[in-house]
Amino acid sequence: MRYLLVLWISTIIVASANAQWVRTSLPAGEWIWCFVVNGTDLFAGTEDGVYLTTNSGACWTAVNMGVQAATVIALAVSPDGAGGTNLFAGTNGAGVFLSTNKGTSWTPVNSGLTDFSVGSLVVSNTNVFAGNGGGVLL
């Protein structure tokens, strides 16, 4: 009996380890640098800007209007205090951009940045932190 229990548990573990990845409709060959989730919206930062899917990756839409740099390497989401959402995109050379409308349009928010390659973004409470060659910025 013990042998059967061990065999059954081993089978479950091996089956879980062999889970299959399935390609979504984001263009093949596109480098995906980062993801961020906001509710049912999933944003991907790529070498060609930001893409959005609202249906678990079945369909992706480019949402790049105003992002001046092609490569988006960091994304973060924060509440805007009025029931909406701020979406931040860190780029490889053009700084940080802000969208308040799910990526439909973007505005640069680079005041105080000395290195415009922003490799990481994180939100803590109402603060947005950016990491780059100059260190951590608030």
Protein backbone atom coordinates (compact mmCIF):
# COMPACT_ATOMS: atom_id res chain seq x y z
CA MET A 1 0.00 0.00 0.00
CA ARG A 2 2.82 2.36 0.92
CA TYR A 3 4.50 1.59 -2.41
CA LEU A 4 1.35 2.51 -4.33
CA LEU A 5 1.00 5.79 -2.42
CA VAL A 6 4.63 6.75 -3.20
CA LEU A 7 4.16 5.78 -6.85
CA TRP A 8 0.95 7.84 -7.11
CA ILE A 9 2.57 10.93 -5.50
CA SER A 10 5.62 10.56 -7.77
CA THR A 11 3.36 10.41 -10.82
CA ILE A 12 1.59 13.63 -9.79
CA ILE A 13 4.91 15.42 -9.22
CA VAL A 14 6.33 14.30 -12.57
CA ALA A 15 3.11 15.24 -14.39
CA SER A 16 3.22 18.70 -12.83
CA ALA A 17 6.86 19.16 -13.81
CA ASN A 18 6.00 18.38 -17.44
CA ALA A 19 3.49 21.23 -17.81
CA GLN A 20 3.42 22.65 -21.32
CA TRP A 21 3.96 26.28 -22.32
CA VAL A 22 1.75 27.58 -25.13
CA ARG A 23 2.71 30.54 -27.35
CA THR A 24 0.25 33.43 -27.32
CA SER A 25 -0.44 35.71 -30.27
CA LEU A 26 2.26 38.29 -29.37
CA PRO A 27 4.49 38.44 -32.47
CA ALA A 28 7.05 35.63 -32.60
CA GLY A 29 10.62 36.81 -32.14
CA GLU A 30 9.51 39.73 -29.96
CA TRP A 31 11.74 40.08 -26.88
CA ILE A 32 9.55 40.37 -23.80
CA TRP A 33 11.41 42.26 -21.08
CA CYS A 34 8.71 42.59 -18.43
CA PHE A 35 5.06 42.13 -17.52
CA VAL A 36 2.64 43.89 -15.21
CA VAL A 37 -0.96 42.98 -14.36
CA ASN A 38 -3.77 45.37 -13.53
CA GLY A 39 -7.06 43.57 -12.95
CA THR A 40 -7.72 41.59 -16.14
CA ASP A 41 -5.26 43.70 -18.16
CA LEU A 42 -1.82 42.23 -18.82
CA PHE A 43 0.85 44.58 -20.21
CA ALA A 44 4.09 43.39 -21.79
CA GLY A 45 7.19 45.55 -22.21
CA THR A 46 8.96 44.61 -25.43
CA GLU A 47 11.68 45.81 -27.78
CA ASP A 48 8.89 47.50 -29.75
CA GLY A 49 7.11 49.23 -26.85
CA VAL A 50 4.13 48.15 -24.76
CA TYR A 51 1.47 45.59 -25.67
CA LEU A 52 -1.84 44.96 -23.89
CA THR A 53 -4.03 41.87 -23.67
CA THR A 54 -7.39 41.74 -21.94
CA ASN A 55 -8.09 38.10 -22.80
CA SER A 56 -5.20 36.10 -21.31
CA GLY A 57 -2.93 36.53 -24.31
CA ALA A 58 -5.31 35.41 -27.06
CA CYS A 59 -5.03 38.88 -28.65
CA TRP A 60 -2.41 41.61 -28.08
CA THR A 61 -2.64 45.30 -29.02
CA ALA A 62 0.28 47.73 -29.28
CA VAL A 63 -0.28 50.66 -26.89
CA ASN A 64 2.71 52.86 -27.73
CA MET A 65 1.36 56.32 -28.60
CA GLY A 66 3.89 58.75 -27.10
CA VAL A 67 6.51 56.25 -25.92
CA GLN A 68 9.58 57.65 -27.64
CA ALA A 69 11.87 54.68 -26.99
CA ALA A 70 11.26 51.35 -28.63
CA THR A 71 12.51 49.12 -25.81
CA VAL A 72 10.42 49.04 -22.63
CA ILE A 73 12.33 47.12 -19.96
CA ALA A 74 10.30 47.88 -16.82
CA LEU A 75 6.60 48.30 -16.05
CA ALA A 76 4.73 49.23 -12.85
CA VAL A 77 1.14 50.01 -11.90
CA SER A 78 -0.11 52.27 -9.12
CA PRO A 79 -3.50 53.66 -8.12
CA ASP A 80 -3.91 57.33 -9.02
CA GLY A 81 -5.87 58.22 -5.87
CA ALA A 82 -9.05 59.00 -7.80
CA GLY A 83 -10.11 55.43 -8.58
CA GLY A 84 -7.97 55.16 -11.72
CA THR A 85 -4.62 53.62 -12.47
CA ASN A 86 -1.20 54.95 -13.40
CA LEU A 87 0.93 52.78 -15.66
CA PHE A 88 4.67 53.51 -15.71
CA ALA A 89 7.09 52.31 -18.41
CA GLY A 90 10.85 52.40 -17.94
CA THR A 91 12.83 52.46 -21.17
CA ASN A 92 16.33 51.74 -22.35
CA GLY A 93 17.45 55.31 -23.00
CA ALA A 94 14.40 57.61 -22.93
CA GLY A 95 13.52 57.49 -19.23
CA VAL A 96 10.12 56.85 -17.70
CA PHE A 97 6.71 57.36 -19.28
CA LEU A 98 3.30 57.57 -17.61
CA SER A 99 -0.09 56.52 -18.95
CA THR A 100 -3.34 57.17 -17.14
CA ASN A 101 -5.50 55.51 -19.81
CA LYS A 102 -4.26 51.89 -20.16
CA GLY A 103 -1.46 52.87 -22.53
CA THR A 104 -3.58 54.79 -25.05
CA SER A 105 -1.24 57.77 -24.59
CA TRP A 106 2.02 58.33 -22.71
CA THR A 107 3.76 61.33 -21.15
CA PRO A 108 7.47 61.46 -20.17
CA VAL A 109 8.06 61.84 -16.42
CA ASN A 110 11.82 62.30 -16.31
CA SER A 111 12.29 65.25 -13.94
CA GLY A 112 15.34 64.46 -11.79
CA LEU A 113 16.62 61.54 -13.87
CA THR A 114 20.26 61.77 -14.87
CA ASP A 115 20.44 58.30 -16.47
CA PHE A 116 17.54 57.69 -18.84
CA SER A 117 17.97 53.90 -18.97
CA VAL A 118 15.54 52.69 -16.31
CA GLY A 119 15.81 48.95 -15.75
CA SER A 120 13.41 48.53 -12.86
CA LEU A 121 10.29 50.16 -11.43
CA VAL A 122 8.34 49.33 -8.29
CA VAL A 123 5.44 50.93 -6.45
CA SER A 124 5.29 51.08 -2.66
CA ASN A 125 2.20 52.78 -1.26
CA THR A 126 2.10 56.09 -3.17
CA ASN A 127 5.81 56.08 -4.09
CA VAL A 128 7.30 54.96 -7.39
CA PHE A 129 10.93 53.84 -7.28
CA ALA A 130 13.12 53.69 -10.40
CA GLY A 131 16.38 51.82 -10.61
CA ASN A 132 19.10 52.76 -13.08
CA GLY A 133 22.85 53.32 -13.40
CA GLY A 134 22.51 56.29 -11.06
CA GLY A 135 21.03 54.16 -8.26
CA VAL A 136 17.53 54.12 -6.84
CA LEU A 137 15.36 57.17 -7.38
CA LEU A 138 12.08 58.11 -5.76
